[in-house]
PDB file of N, CA and C in Angstrom:
ATOM      1  N   MET A   1     115.031  91.808  98.236  1.00  0.00           N
ATOM      2  CA  MET A   1     115.275  93.211  98.004  1.00  0.00           C
ATOM      3  C   MET A   1     113.952  93.889  97.623  1.00  0.00           C
ATOM      4  N   PRO A   2     113.755  95.108  98.102  1.00  0.00           N
ATOM      5  CA  PRO A   2     112.495  95.800  97.826  1.00  0.00           C
ATOM      6  C   PRO A   2     112.411  96.341  96.396  1.00  0.00           C
ATOM      7  N   THR A   3     111.182  96.510  95.948  1.00  0.00           N
ATOM      8  CA  THR A   3     110.912  97.096  94.639  1.00  0.00           C
ATOM      9  C   THR A   3     110.414  98.514  94.847  1.00  0.00           C
ATOM     10  N   TYR A   4     111.038  99.467  94.184  1.00  0.00           N
ATOM     11  CA  TYR A   4     110.661 100.875  94.298  1.00  0.00           C
ATOM     12  C   TYR A   4     110.012 101.342  93.015  1.00  0.00           C
ATOM     13  N   GLN A   5     109.045 102.249  93.139  1.00  0.00           N
ATOM     14  CA  GLN A   5     108.380 102.831  91.979  1.00  0.00           C
ATOM     15  C   GLN A   5     108.907 104.235  91.748  1.00  0.00           C
ATOM     16  N   TYR A   6     109.144 104.549  90.492  1.00  0.00           N
ATOM     17  CA  TYR A   6     109.627 105.866  90.096  1.00  0.00           C
ATOM     18  C   TYR A   6     108.732 106.397  88.991  1.00  0.00           C
ATOM     19  N   VAL A   7     108.690 107.729  88.861  1.00  0.00           N
ATOM     20  CA  VAL A   7     107.999 108.371  87.744  1.00  0.00           C
ATOM     21  C   VAL A   7     108.875 109.520  87.242  1.00  0.00           C
ATOM     22  N   CYS A   8     108.946 109.646  85.924  1.00  0.00           N
ATOM     23  CA  CYS A   8     109.740 110.701  85.307  1.00  0.00           C
ATOM     24  C   CYS A   8     108.955 112.005  85.356  1.00  0.00           C
ATOM     25  N   THR A   9     109.607 113.081  85.749  1.00  0.00           N
ATOM     26  CA  THR A   9     108.930 114.379  85.812  1.00  0.00           C
ATOM     27  C   THR A   9     108.880 115.049  84.445  1.00  0.00           C
ATOM     28  N   ALA A  10     109.629 114.547  83.478  1.00  0.00           N
ATOM     29  CA  ALA A  10     109.637 115.139  82.143  1.00  0.00           C
ATOM     30  C   ALA A  10     108.629 114.461  81.207  1.00  0.00           C
ATOM     31  N   CYS A  11     108.623 113.127  81.177  1.00  0.00           N
ATOM     32  CA  CYS A  11     107.763 112.416  80.215  1.00  0.00           C
ATOM     33  C   CYS A  11     106.666 111.584  80.884  1.00  0.00           C
ATOM     34  N   ASP A  12     106.556 111.617  82.208  1.00  0.00           N
ATOM     35  CA  ASP A  12     105.551 110.866  82.981  1.00  0.00           C
ATOM     36  C   ASP A  12     105.672 109.351  82.824  1.00  0.00           C
ATOM     37  N   HIS A  13     106.825 108.868  82.424  1.00  0.00           N
ATOM     38  CA  HIS A  13     107.056 107.425  82.326  1.00  0.00           C
ATOM     39  C   HIS A  13     107.193 106.851  83.735  1.00  0.00           C
ATOM     40  N   GLY A  14     106.379 105.841  84.060  1.00  0.00           N
ATOM     41  CA  GLY A  14     106.462 105.176  85.354  1.00  0.00           C
ATOM     42  C   GLY A  14     107.167 103.843  85.221  1.00  0.00           C
ATOM     43  N   PHE A  15     108.000 103.501  86.188  1.00  0.00           N
ATOM     44  CA  PHE A  15     108.713 102.229  86.143  1.00  0.00           C
ATOM     45  C   PHE A  15     109.077 101.792  87.550  1.00  0.00           C
ATOM     46  N   GLU A  16     109.443 100.523  87.676  1.00  0.00           N
ATOM     47  CA  GLU A  16     109.854  99.939  88.951  1.00  0.00           C
ATOM     48  C   GLU A  16     111.316  99.532  88.880  1.00  0.00           C
ATOM     49  N   ALA A  17     111.971  99.572  90.028  1.00  0.00           N
ATOM     50  CA  ALA A  17     113.368  99.154  90.112  1.00  0.00           C
ATOM     51  C   ALA A  17     113.569  98.352  91.393  1.00  0.00           C
ATOM     52  N   VAL A  18     114.219  97.204  91.275  1.00  0.00           N
ATOM     53  CA  VAL A  18     114.555  96.378  92.433  1.00  0.00           C
ATOM     54  C   VAL A  18     115.926  96.831  92.909  1.00  0.00           C
ATOM     55  N   GLN A  19     115.956  97.372  94.139  1.00  0.00           N
ATOM     56  CA  GLN A  19     117.201  97.915  94.675  1.00  0.00           C
ATOM     57  C   GLN A  19     117.381  97.484  96.112  1.00  0.00           C
ATOM     58  N   SER A  20     118.617  97.446  96.530  1.00  0.00           N
ATOM     59  CA  SER A  20     118.944  97.174  97.924  1.00  0.00           C
ATOM     60  C   SER A  20     118.665  98.426  98.744  1.00  0.00           C
ATOM     61  N   PHE A  21     118.502  98.264 100.054  1.00  0.00           N
ATOM     62  CA  PHE A  21     118.281  99.413 100.932  1.00  0.00           C
ATOM     63  C   PHE A  21     119.462 100.374 100.894  1.00  0.00           C
ATOM     64  N   SER A  22     120.641  99.859 100.664  1.00  0.00           N
ATOM     65  CA  SER A  22     121.839 100.696 100.683  1.00  0.00           C
ATOM     66  C   SER A  22     122.118 101.376  99.343  1.00  0.00           C
ATOM     67  N   ASP A  23     121.391 101.005  98.276  1.00  0.00           N
ATOM     68  CA  ASP A  23     121.593 101.634  96.968  1.00  0.00           C
ATOM     69  C   ASP A  23     121.065 103.064  96.967  1.00  0.00           C
ATOM     70  N   ASP A  24     121.709 103.927  96.204  1.00  0.00           N
ATOM     71  CA  ASP A  24     121.217 105.287  96.033  1.00  0.00           C
ATOM     72  C   ASP A  24     119.963 105.275  95.167  1.00  0.00           C
ATOM     73  N   ALA A  25     119.077 106.256  95.375  1.00  0.00           N
ATOM     74  CA  ALA A  25     117.870 106.372  94.567  1.00  0.00           C
ATOM     75  C   ALA A  25     118.251 106.719  93.131  1.00  0.00           C
ATOM     76  N   LEU A  26     117.438 106.244  92.183  1.00  0.00           N
ATOM     77  CA  LEU A  26     117.685 106.549  90.780  1.00  0.00           C
ATOM     78  C   LEU A  26     117.403 108.019  90.513  1.00  0.00           C
ATOM     79  N   THR A  27     118.099 108.605  89.561  1.00  0.00           N
ATOM     80  CA  THR A  27     117.929 110.024  89.252  1.00  0.00           C
ATOM     81  C   THR A  27     117.603 110.277  87.791  1.00  0.00           C
ATOM     82  N   GLN A  28     117.714 109.248  86.934  1.00  0.00           N
ATOM     83  CA  GLN A  28     117.541 109.451  85.504  1.00  0.00           C
ATOM     84  C   GLN A  28     116.536 108.459  84.923  1.00  0.00           C
ATOM     85  N   CYS A  29     115.648 108.966  84.063  1.00  0.00           N
ATOM     86  CA  CYS A  29     114.640 108.144  83.398  1.00  0.00           C
ATOM     87  C   CYS A  29     115.302 107.269  82.337  1.00  0.00           C
ATOM     88  N   PRO A  30     114.938 105.972  82.274  1.00  0.00           N
ATOM     89  CA  PRO A  30     115.527 105.107  81.244  1.00  0.00           C
ATOM     90  C   PRO A  30     114.997 105.418  79.839  1.00  0.00           C
ATOM     91  N   GLU A  31     113.861 106.108  79.730  1.00  0.00           N
ATOM     92  CA  GLU A  31     113.278 106.422  78.422  1.00  0.00           C
ATOM     93  C   GLU A  31     113.856 107.704  77.829  1.00  0.00           C
ATOM     94  N   CYS A  32     113.806 108.812  78.610  1.00  0.00           N
ATOM     95  CA  CYS A  32     114.200 110.110  78.059  1.00  0.00           C
ATOM     96  C   CYS A  32     115.386 110.741  78.773  1.00  0.00           C
ATOM     97  N   GLU A  33     115.904 110.059  79.809  1.00  0.00           N
ATOM     98  CA  GLU A  33     117.021 110.539  80.621  1.00  0.00           C
ATOM     99  C   GLU A  33     116.690 111.810  81.414  1.00  0.00           C
ATOM    100  N   GLY A  34     115.395 112.068  81.609  1.00  0.00           N
ATOM    101  CA  GLY A  34     114.960 113.203  82.423  1.00  0.00           C
ATOM    102  C   GLY A  34     115.029 112.851  83.904  1.00  0.00           C
ATOM    103  N   PRO A  35     114.763 113.827  84.777  1.00  0.00           N
ATOM    104  CA  PRO A  35     114.800 113.571  86.217  1.00  0.00           C
ATOM    105  C   PRO A  35     113.608 112.734  86.674  1.00  0.00           C
ATOM    106  N   VAL A  36     113.843 111.888  87.665  1.00  0.00           N
ATOM    107  CA  VAL A  36     112.776 111.034  88.202  1.00  0.00           C
ATOM    108  C   VAL A  36     112.592 111.307  89.684  1.00  0.00           C
ATOM    109  N   LYS A  37     111.411 110.944  90.187  1.00  0.00           N
ATOM    110  CA  LYS A  37     111.167 111.016  91.622  1.00  0.00           C
ATOM    111  C   LYS A  37     110.568 109.686  92.070  1.00  0.00           C
ATOM    112  N   LYS A  38     110.835 109.347  93.309  1.00  0.00           N
ATOM    113  CA  LYS A  38     110.344 108.102  93.885  1.00  0.00           C
ATOM    114  C   LYS A  38     108.879 108.290  94.260  1.00  0.00           C
ATOM    115  N   VAL A  39     108.051 107.286  93.990  1.00  0.00           N
ATOM    116  CA  VAL A  39     106.633 107.325  94.302  1.00  0.00           C
ATOM    117  C   VAL A  39     106.404 106.556  95.596  1.00  0.00           C
ATOM    118  N   TYR A  40     105.742 107.201  96.551  1.00  0.00           N
ATOM    119  CA  TYR A  40     105.437 106.563  97.829  1.00  0.00           C
ATOM    120  C   TYR A  40     103.949 106.238  97.871  1.00  0.00           C
ATOM    121  N   ALA A  41     103.613 105.058  98.330  1.00  0.00           N
ATOM    122  CA  ALA A  41     102.224 104.627  98.408  1.00  0.00           C
ATOM    123  C   ALA A  41     102.026 103.854  99.709  1.00  0.00           C
ATOM    124  N   ALA A  42     100.788 103.778 100.127  1.00  0.00           N
ATOM    125  CA  ALA A  42     100.457 103.020 101.340  1.00  0.00           C
ATOM    126  C   ALA A  42     100.700 101.532 101.090  1.00  0.00           C
ATOM    127  N   VAL A  43     101.180 100.864 102.105  1.00  0.00           N
ATOM    128  CA  VAL A  43     101.480  99.446 102.015  1.00  0.00           C
ATOM    129  C   VAL A  43     100.494  98.680 102.884  1.00  0.00           C
ATOM    130  N   GLY A  44      99.889  97.663 102.328  1.00  0.00           N
ATOM    131  CA  GLY A  44      98.972  96.832 103.095  1.00  0.00           C
ATOM    132  C   GLY A  44      99.746  95.877 103.977  1.00  0.00           C
ATOM    133  N   VAL A  45      99.360  95.798 105.238  1.00  0.00           N
ATOM    134  CA  VAL A  45     100.036  94.921 106.185  1.00  0.00           C
ATOM    135  C   VAL A  45      99.017  93.926 106.728  1.00  0.00           C
ATOM    136  N   VAL A  46      99.373  92.669 106.735  1.00  0.00           N
ATOM    137  CA  VAL A  46      98.501  91.626 107.263  1.00  0.00           C
ATOM    138  C   VAL A  46      99.235  90.933 108.398  1.00  0.00           C
ATOM    139  N   PHE A  47      98.644  90.979 109.592  1.00  0.00           N
ATOM    140  CA  PHE A  47      99.214  90.299 110.750  1.00  0.00           C
ATOM    141  C   PHE A  47      98.514  88.961 110.910  1.00  0.00           C
ATOM    142  N   LYS A  48      99.278  87.902 111.009  1.00  0.00           N
ATOM    143  CA  LYS A  48      98.708  86.570 111.154  1.00  0.00           C
ATOM    144  C   LYS A  48      99.195  85.960 112.453  1.00  0.00           C
ATOM    145  N   GLY A  49      98.367  85.120 113.012  1.00  0.00           N
ATOM    146  CA  GLY A  49      98.743  84.447 114.243  1.00  0.00           C
ATOM    147  C   GLY A  49      97.946  84.972 115.422  1.00  0.00           C
ATOM    148  N   SER A  50      98.164  84.382 116.577  1.00  0.00           N
ATOM    149  CA  SER A  50      97.415  84.804 117.752  1.00  0.00           C
ATOM    150  C   SER A  50      97.973  86.119 118.281  1.00  0.00           C
ATOM    151  N   GLY A  51      97.108  86.906 118.901  1.00  0.00           N
ATOM    152  CA  GLY A  51      97.529  88.160 119.493  1.00  0.00           C
ATOM    153  C   GLY A  51      97.325  89.369 118.605  1.00  0.00           C
ATOM    154  N   PHE A  52      96.828  89.196 117.386  1.00  0.00           N
ATOM    155  CA  PHE A  52      96.670  90.313 116.474  1.00  0.00           C
ATOM    156  C   PHE A  52      95.213  90.688 116.222  1.00  0.00           C
ATOM    157  N   TYR A  53      94.292  90.001 116.867  1.00  0.00           N
ATOM    158  CA  TYR A  53      92.889  90.269 116.613  1.00  0.00           C
ATOM    159  C   TYR A  53      92.257  90.995 117.791  1.00  0.00           C
ATOM    160  N   LYS A  54      91.240  91.773 117.505  1.00  0.00           N
ATOM    161  CA  LYS A  54      90.541  92.555 118.532  1.00  0.00           C
ATOM    162  C   LYS A  54      90.035  91.646 119.647  1.00  0.00           C
ATOM    163  N   THR A  55      89.562  90.480 119.278  1.00  0.00           N
ATOM    164  CA  THR A  55      88.995  89.571 120.268  1.00  0.00           C
ATOM    165  C   THR A  55      90.056  88.875 121.116  1.00  0.00           C
ATOM    166  N   ASP A  56      91.307  88.874 120.681  1.00  0.00           N
ATOM    167  CA  ASP A  56      92.363  88.224 121.454  1.00  0.00           C
ATOM    168  C   ASP A  56      92.698  88.976 122.729  1.00  0.00           C
ATOM    169  N   SER A  57      92.614  90.300 122.691  1.00  0.00           N
ATOM    170  CA  SER A  57      93.006  91.088 123.865  1.00  0.00           C
ATOM    171  C   SER A  57      91.823  91.744 124.565  1.00  0.00           C
ATOM    172  N   ALA A  58      90.630  91.524 124.056  1.00  0.00           N
ATOM    173  CA  ALA A  58      89.431  92.122 124.677  1.00  0.00           C
ATOM    174  C   ALA A  58      89.162  91.425 126.000  1.00  0.00           C
ATOM    175  N   PRO A  59      88.713  92.194 127.004  1.00  0.00           N
ATOM    176  CA  PRO A  59      88.391  91.550 128.285  1.00  0.00           C
ATOM    177  C   PRO A  59      87.207  90.601 128.121  1.00  0.00           C
ATOM    178  N   LYS A  60      87.279  89.510 128.846  1.00  0.00           N
ATOM    179  CA  LYS A  60      86.203  88.506 128.784  1.00  0.00           C
ATOM    180  C   LYS A  60      84.985  89.039 129.517  1.00  0.00           C
ATOM    181  N   PRO A  61      83.798  88.894 128.933  1.00  0.00           N
ATOM    182  CA  PRO A  61      82.588  89.382 129.629  1.00  0.00           C
ATOM    183  C   PRO A  61      82.319  88.559 130.888  1.00  0.00           C
ATOM    184  N   THR A  62      81.924  89.250 131.924  1.00  0.00           N
ATOM    185  CA  THR A  62      81.595  88.569 133.193  1.00  0.00           C
ATOM    186  C   THR A  62      80.096  88.340 133.264  1.00  0.00           C
ATOM    187  N   SER A  63      79.720  87.249 133.854  1.00  0.00           N
ATOM    188  CA  SER A  63      78.291  86.958 133.979  1.00  0.00           C
ATOM    189  C   SER A  63      77.707  87.765 135.122  1.00  0.00           C
ATOM    190  N   SER A  64      76.484  88.247 134.950  1.00  0.00           N
ATOM    191  CA  SER A  64      75.838  89.065 135.974  1.00  0.00           C
ATOM    192  C   SER A  64      74.769  88.260 136.712  1.00  0.00           C
ATOM    193  N   GLU A  65      75.068  87.037 137.039  1.00  0.00           N
ATOM    194  CA  GLU A  65      74.135  86.164 137.737  1.00  0.00           C
ATOM    195  C   GLU A  65      74.251  86.290 139.216  1.00  0.00           C
TER     196      GLU A  65
END
């Protein structure tokens, strides 16, 4: 299950919550019960295996002899 980050708009308390994709987003801060918003951030992706590197699909150099 994914971990989501939230921040309270009233007290700036940041926290994480492990939720299923089908769960509704949280709406209340656990500290002050104020409104919260979900924080979106870039996710690092690492591709492993053949076919994911620049050199795997680059055309092979031809000899000019």
